[in-house]
């Protein structure tokens, strides 16, 4: 449980129309990958910020996944594009 807060990530709003905000609780370098529900890689972004915004307005409506590859862990999160 001690390490549980280390990988805290919040995506909002969900569902999203045009701009998805991702909040992390650390500023370690991370790679953020955006995938379609079928597993196709759509985009890759590197960041050291705790908060990043992604423009998802060009995506079709449906479910998508964000994979955040950090220094010590990798997490996957789902969001819905309206």
C-alpha atoms as a PDB file:
ATOM      1  CA  UNK A   1       0.000   0.000   0.000  1.00  0.00           C
ATOM      2  CA  UNK A   2       2.942   2.343   0.555  1.00  0.00           C
ATOM      3  CA  UNK A   3       3.702   2.414  -3.175  1.00  0.00           C
ATOM      4  CA  UNK A   4       0.082   2.791  -4.253  1.00  0.00           C
ATOM      5  CA  UNK A   5       0.142   6.598  -4.280  1.00  0.00           C
ATOM      6  CA  UNK A   6       3.360   6.652  -6.311  1.00  0.00           C
ATOM      7  CA  UNK A   7       1.544   5.790  -9.527  1.00  0.00           C
ATOM      8  CA  UNK A   8      -1.512   7.998  -9.061  1.00  0.00           C
ATOM      9  CA  UNK A   9      -2.939   9.198 -12.373  1.00  0.00           C
ATOM     10  CA  UNK A  10      -6.164  11.084 -13.065  1.00  0.00           C
ATOM     11  CA  UNK A  11      -7.735  11.640 -16.502  1.00  0.00           C
ATOM     12  CA  UNK A  12     -10.512  14.168 -16.950  1.00  0.00           C
ATOM     13  CA  UNK A  13     -13.021  15.005 -18.234  1.00  0.00           C
ATOM     14  CA  UNK A  14     -14.195  11.512 -19.077  1.00  0.00           C
ATOM     15  CA  UNK A  15     -15.973  11.346 -21.464  1.00  0.00           C
ATOM     16  CA  UNK A  16     -14.012  14.043 -23.290  1.00  0.00           C
ATOM     17  CA  UNK A  17     -14.908  16.205 -26.278  1.00  0.00           C
ATOM     18  CA  UNK A  18     -11.652  17.919 -27.305  1.00  0.00           C
ATOM     19  CA  UNK A  19      -9.019  18.308 -24.551  1.00  0.00           C
ATOM     20  CA  UNK A  20      -8.029  15.508 -22.179  1.00  0.00           C
ATOM     21  CA  UNK A  21      -6.112  16.467 -19.033  1.00  0.00           C
ATOM     22  CA  UNK A  22      -3.776  13.951 -17.427  1.00  0.00           C
ATOM     23  CA  UNK A  23      -2.544  14.564 -13.874  1.00  0.00           C
ATOM     24  CA  UNK A  24       0.281  12.564 -12.349  1.00  0.00           C
ATOM     25  CA  UNK A  25       1.623  12.810  -8.814  1.00  0.00           C
ATOM     26  CA  UNK A  26       5.290  12.972  -9.823  1.00  0.00           C
ATOM     27  CA  UNK A  27       7.425  14.866 -12.289  1.00  0.00           C
ATOM     28  CA  UNK A  28       9.588  11.950 -13.399  1.00  0.00           C
ATOM     29  CA  UNK A  29      10.023  11.656 -17.145  1.00  0.00           C
ATOM     30  CA  UNK A  30       7.206   9.637 -18.677  1.00  0.00           C
ATOM     31  CA  UNK A  31       6.110   8.558 -22.123  1.00  0.00           C
ATOM     32  CA  UNK A  32       2.383   8.875 -22.768  1.00  0.00           C
ATOM     33  CA  UNK A  33       1.029   6.692 -25.547  1.00  0.00           C
ATOM     34  CA  UNK A  34      -2.466   6.997 -27.006  1.00  0.00           C
ATOM     35  CA  UNK A  35      -4.021   3.805 -28.397  1.00  0.00           C
ATOM     36  CA  UNK A  36      -7.264   3.006 -30.181  1.00  0.00           C
ATOM     37  CA  UNK A  37      -9.463   0.286 -28.700  1.00  0.00           C
ATOM     38  CA  UNK A  38      -8.098  -2.069 -31.376  1.00  0.00           C
ATOM     39  CA  UNK A  39      -4.531  -1.502 -30.129  1.00  0.00           C
ATOM     40  CA  UNK A  40      -3.274   0.851 -32.833  1.00  0.00           C
ATOM     41  CA  UNK A  41      -0.757   3.417 -31.525  1.00  0.00           C
ATOM     42  CA  UNK A  42      -2.090   6.904 -32.395  1.00  0.00           C
ATOM     43  CA  UNK A  43       0.434   9.213 -30.736  1.00  0.00           C
ATOM     44  CA  UNK A  44       3.370   9.347 -28.340  1.00  0.00           C
ATOM     45  CA  UNK A  45       4.296  12.236 -26.041  1.00  0.00           C
ATOM     46  CA  UNK A  46       7.233  12.623 -23.639  1.00  0.00           C
ATOM     47  CA  UNK A  47       6.750  14.768 -20.561  1.00  0.00           C
ATOM     48  CA  UNK A  48       8.230  15.628 -17.192  1.00  0.00           C
ATOM     49  CA  UNK A  49       5.194  17.697 -16.161  1.00  0.00           C
ATOM     50  CA  UNK A  50       2.747  16.536 -13.531  1.00  0.00           C
ATOM     51  CA  UNK A  51      -0.135  17.872 -15.664  1.00  0.00           C
ATOM     52  CA  UNK A  52      -0.398  17.521 -19.434  1.00  0.00           C
ATOM     53  CA  UNK A  53      -3.225  18.192 -21.864  1.00  0.00           C
ATOM     54  CA  UNK A  54      -3.799  16.200 -25.035  1.00  0.00           C
ATOM     55  CA  UNK A  55      -5.846  17.453 -27.982  1.00  0.00           C
ATOM     56  CA  UNK A  56      -8.177  14.569 -28.813  1.00  0.00           C
ATOM     57  CA  UNK A  57     -10.667  16.591 -30.866  1.00  0.00           C
ATOM     58  CA  UNK A  58      -9.574  14.881 -34.091  1.00  0.00           C
ATOM     59  CA  UNK A  59     -10.405  11.396 -32.788  1.00  0.00           C
ATOM     60  CA  UNK A  60     -13.585   9.571 -33.745  1.00  0.00           C
ATOM     61  CA  UNK A  61     -16.096   8.867 -30.983  1.00  0.00           C
ATOM     62  CA  UNK A  62     -15.339   5.733 -28.996  1.00  0.00           C
ATOM     63  CA  UNK A  63     -13.061   4.195 -26.369  1.00  0.00           C
ATOM     64  CA  UNK A  64      -9.314   4.818 -26.230  1.00  0.00           C
ATOM     65  CA  UNK A  65      -6.448   3.875 -23.952  1.00  0.00           C
ATOM     66  CA  UNK A  66      -3.607   5.921 -22.499  1.00  0.00           C
ATOM     67  CA  UNK A  67      -0.445   4.046 -21.488  1.00  0.00           C
ATOM     68  CA  UNK A  68       1.878   5.971 -19.196  1.00  0.00           C
ATOM     69  CA  UNK A  69       5.387   4.539 -19.069  1.00  0.00           C
ATOM     70  CA  UNK A  70       7.204   5.989 -16.087  1.00  0.00           C
ATOM     71  CA  UNK A  71      10.622   5.390 -14.608  1.00  0.00           C
ATOM     72  CA  UNK A  72       9.360   2.779 -12.145  1.00  0.00           C
ATOM     73  CA  UNK A  73       5.980   1.690 -13.468  1.00  0.00           C
ATOM     74  CA  UNK A  74       3.589   1.520 -16.399  1.00  0.00           C
ATOM     75  CA  UNK A  75      -0.131   2.181 -16.091  1.00  0.00           C
ATOM     76  CA  UNK A  76      -2.983   1.937 -18.581  1.00  0.00           C
ATOM     77  CA  UNK A  77      -6.100   4.086 -18.424  1.00  0.00           C
ATOM     78  CA  UNK A  78      -9.277   4.097 -20.508  1.00  0.00           C
ATOM     79  CA  UNK A  79     -11.227   7.136 -21.650  1.00  0.00           C
ATOM     80  CA  UNK A  80     -14.200   7.786 -23.901  1.00  0.00           C
ATOM     81  CA  UNK A  81     -14.188  10.337 -26.719  1.00  0.00           C
ATOM     82  CA  UNK A  82     -17.642  11.800 -27.345  1.00  0.00           C
END
